[in-house]
Structure formats: C-alpha cells, structure tokens
Amino acid sequence: MDIIKVFGSNVRKYRTQQKISQEKFAENCGLHRTYISDIECFRRSISLDNIQRIADALGVETYKLFLEE
C-alpha cells in the first residue's frame, strides 16, 4: 500500500464526485491549487493539519481518505 497514492486518489475521487474544480477546492481548503494538484498526482507528502483541512472541505471523515479500494 502506497499511502500517498491512496490518499491522493481518494482526494481526487471525492472532489470530482462533488464536481469541484481543483481551484475552487483549494480555495475551500485555504491551500494553493498547485498543492492540491501535487497531492492528486502523488508528488507531495502532507501534514496532519492539511489532511484535516482537506477532509473538512470534502465533508468526509478523515479516515476515509486512507481507505484503499
């Protein structure tokens, strides 16, 4: 299990299910669009604070972002 890939894939899945652009989502999280892009493309590790911000902006339980399908 590659946790960075699982997390990035889940962020993209939940974001696209809600039909939110990366730019709008980044704004909702208080993060930069390129930061969100890097997460979804598996190029960035992420802090616990930002994980929580992302989960809150998606409206999902934090643990769901770490579940491998």
C-alpha atoms as a PDB file:
ATOM      1  CA  MET A   1       0.000   0.000   0.000  1.00  0.00           C
ATOM      2  CA  ASP A   2       1.419   3.362  -1.043  1.00  0.00           C
ATOM      3  CA  ILE A   3      -0.308   5.765   1.348  1.00  0.00           C
ATOM      4  CA  ILE A   4       0.485   8.830  -0.784  1.00  0.00           C
ATOM      5  CA  LYS A   5      -1.232   7.235  -3.807  1.00  0.00           C
ATOM      6  CA  VAL A   6      -4.212   6.065  -1.777  1.00  0.00           C
ATOM      7  CA  PHE A   7      -4.678   9.497  -0.215  1.00  0.00           C
ATOM      8  CA  GLY A   8      -4.236  11.394  -3.495  1.00  0.00           C
ATOM      9  CA  SER A   9      -6.609   9.075  -5.348  1.00  0.00           C
ATOM     10  CA  ASN A  10      -9.272   9.440  -2.672  1.00  0.00           C
ATOM     11  CA  VAL A  11      -8.977  13.236  -2.621  1.00  0.00           C
ATOM     12  CA  ARG A  12      -9.468  13.315  -6.399  1.00  0.00           C
ATOM     13  CA  LYS A  13     -12.367  10.825  -6.210  1.00  0.00           C
ATOM     14  CA  TYR A  14     -14.302  12.782  -3.586  1.00  0.00           C
ATOM     15  CA  ARG A  15     -13.535  16.139  -5.211  1.00  0.00           C
ATOM     16  CA  THR A  16     -14.674  15.039  -8.668  1.00  0.00           C
ATOM     17  CA  GLN A  17     -17.779  13.331  -7.249  1.00  0.00           C
ATOM     18  CA  GLN A  18     -18.747  16.737  -5.896  1.00  0.00           C
ATOM     19  CA  LYS A  19     -17.908  18.359  -9.258  1.00  0.00           C
ATOM     20  CA  ILE A  20     -15.497  20.834  -7.673  1.00  0.00           C
ATOM     21  CA  SER A  21     -12.518  22.150  -9.640  1.00  0.00           C
ATOM     22  CA  GLN A  22      -9.052  21.965  -8.118  1.00  0.00           C
ATOM     23  CA  GLU A  23      -9.010  25.747  -7.952  1.00  0.00           C
ATOM     24  CA  LYS A  24     -12.320  26.024  -6.079  1.00  0.00           C
ATOM     25  CA  PHE A  25     -11.417  23.114  -3.812  1.00  0.00           C
ATOM     26  CA  ALA A  26      -8.054  24.663  -2.958  1.00  0.00           C
ATOM     27  CA  GLU A  27      -9.850  27.893  -2.097  1.00  0.00           C
ATOM     28  CA  ASN A  28     -12.264  25.976   0.163  1.00  0.00           C
ATOM     29  CA  CYS A  29      -9.284  24.361   1.932  1.00  0.00           C
ATOM     30  CA  GLY A  30      -7.263  27.558   2.205  1.00  0.00           C
ATOM     31  CA  LEU A  31      -4.487  25.944   0.162  1.00  0.00           C
ATOM     32  CA  HIS A  32      -2.923  26.664  -3.237  1.00  0.00           C
ATOM     33  CA  ARG A  33      -4.226  24.934  -6.377  1.00  0.00           C
ATOM     34  CA  THR A  34      -0.792  23.549  -7.254  1.00  0.00           C
ATOM     35  CA  TYR A  35      -0.583  21.994  -3.769  1.00  0.00           C
ATOM     36  CA  ILE A  36      -3.858  20.129  -4.414  1.00  0.00           C
ATOM     37  CA  SER A  37      -2.603  19.100  -7.853  1.00  0.00           C
ATOM     38  CA  ASP A  38       0.625  17.759  -6.346  1.00  0.00           C
ATOM     39  CA  ILE A  39      -1.371  15.721  -3.814  1.00  0.00           C
ATOM     40  CA  GLU A  40      -3.622  14.244  -6.501  1.00  0.00           C
ATOM     41  CA  CYS A  41      -0.587  13.437  -8.693  1.00  0.00           C
ATOM     42  CA  PHE A  42       1.217  11.733  -5.777  1.00  0.00           C
ATOM     43  CA  ARG A  43       4.072  14.257  -5.702  1.00  0.00           C
ATOM     44  CA  ARG A  44       3.671  15.610  -2.193  1.00  0.00           C
ATOM     45  CA  SER A  45       3.575  14.393   1.370  1.00  0.00           C
ATOM     46  CA  ILE A  46       1.106  16.251   3.519  1.00  0.00           C
ATOM     47  CA  SER A  47       0.861  17.429   7.120  1.00  0.00           C
ATOM     48  CA  LEU A  48      -1.822  16.274   9.523  1.00  0.00           C
ATOM     49  CA  ASP A  49      -3.234  19.801   9.688  1.00  0.00           C
ATOM     50  CA  ASN A  50      -3.701  19.883   5.930  1.00  0.00           C
ATOM     51  CA  ILE A  51      -5.182  16.385   5.879  1.00  0.00           C
ATOM     52  CA  GLN A  52      -7.857  17.600   8.280  1.00  0.00           C
ATOM     53  CA  ARG A  53      -8.473  20.768   6.233  1.00  0.00           C
ATOM     54  CA  ILE A  54      -8.950  18.657   3.104  1.00  0.00           C
ATOM     55  CA  ALA A  55     -11.307  16.195   4.830  1.00  0.00           C
ATOM     56  CA  ASP A  56     -13.355  19.082   6.229  1.00  0.00           C
ATOM     57  CA  ALA A  57     -13.584  20.773   2.829  1.00  0.00           C
ATOM     58  CA  LEU A  58     -14.712  17.480   1.261  1.00  0.00           C
ATOM     59  CA  GLY A  59     -17.191  16.840   4.064  1.00  0.00           C
ATOM     60  CA  VAL A  60     -15.860  13.319   4.675  1.00  0.00           C
ATOM     61  CA  GLU A  61     -14.466  11.535   7.705  1.00  0.00           C
ATOM     62  CA  THR A  62     -10.671  11.807   7.679  1.00  0.00           C
ATOM     63  CA  TYR A  63     -10.113   8.047   7.813  1.00  0.00           C
ATOM     64  CA  LYS A  64     -11.994   7.583   4.506  1.00  0.00           C
ATOM     65  CA  LEU A  65      -9.168   9.348   2.689  1.00  0.00           C
ATOM     66  CA  PHE A  66      -6.861   6.475   3.713  1.00  0.00           C
ATOM     67  CA  LEU A  67      -9.056   3.537   2.697  1.00  0.00           C
ATOM     68  CA  GLU A  68      -7.687   1.543  -0.207  1.00  0.00           C
ATOM     69  CA  GLU A  69     -10.262   0.280  -2.665  1.00  0.00           C
END
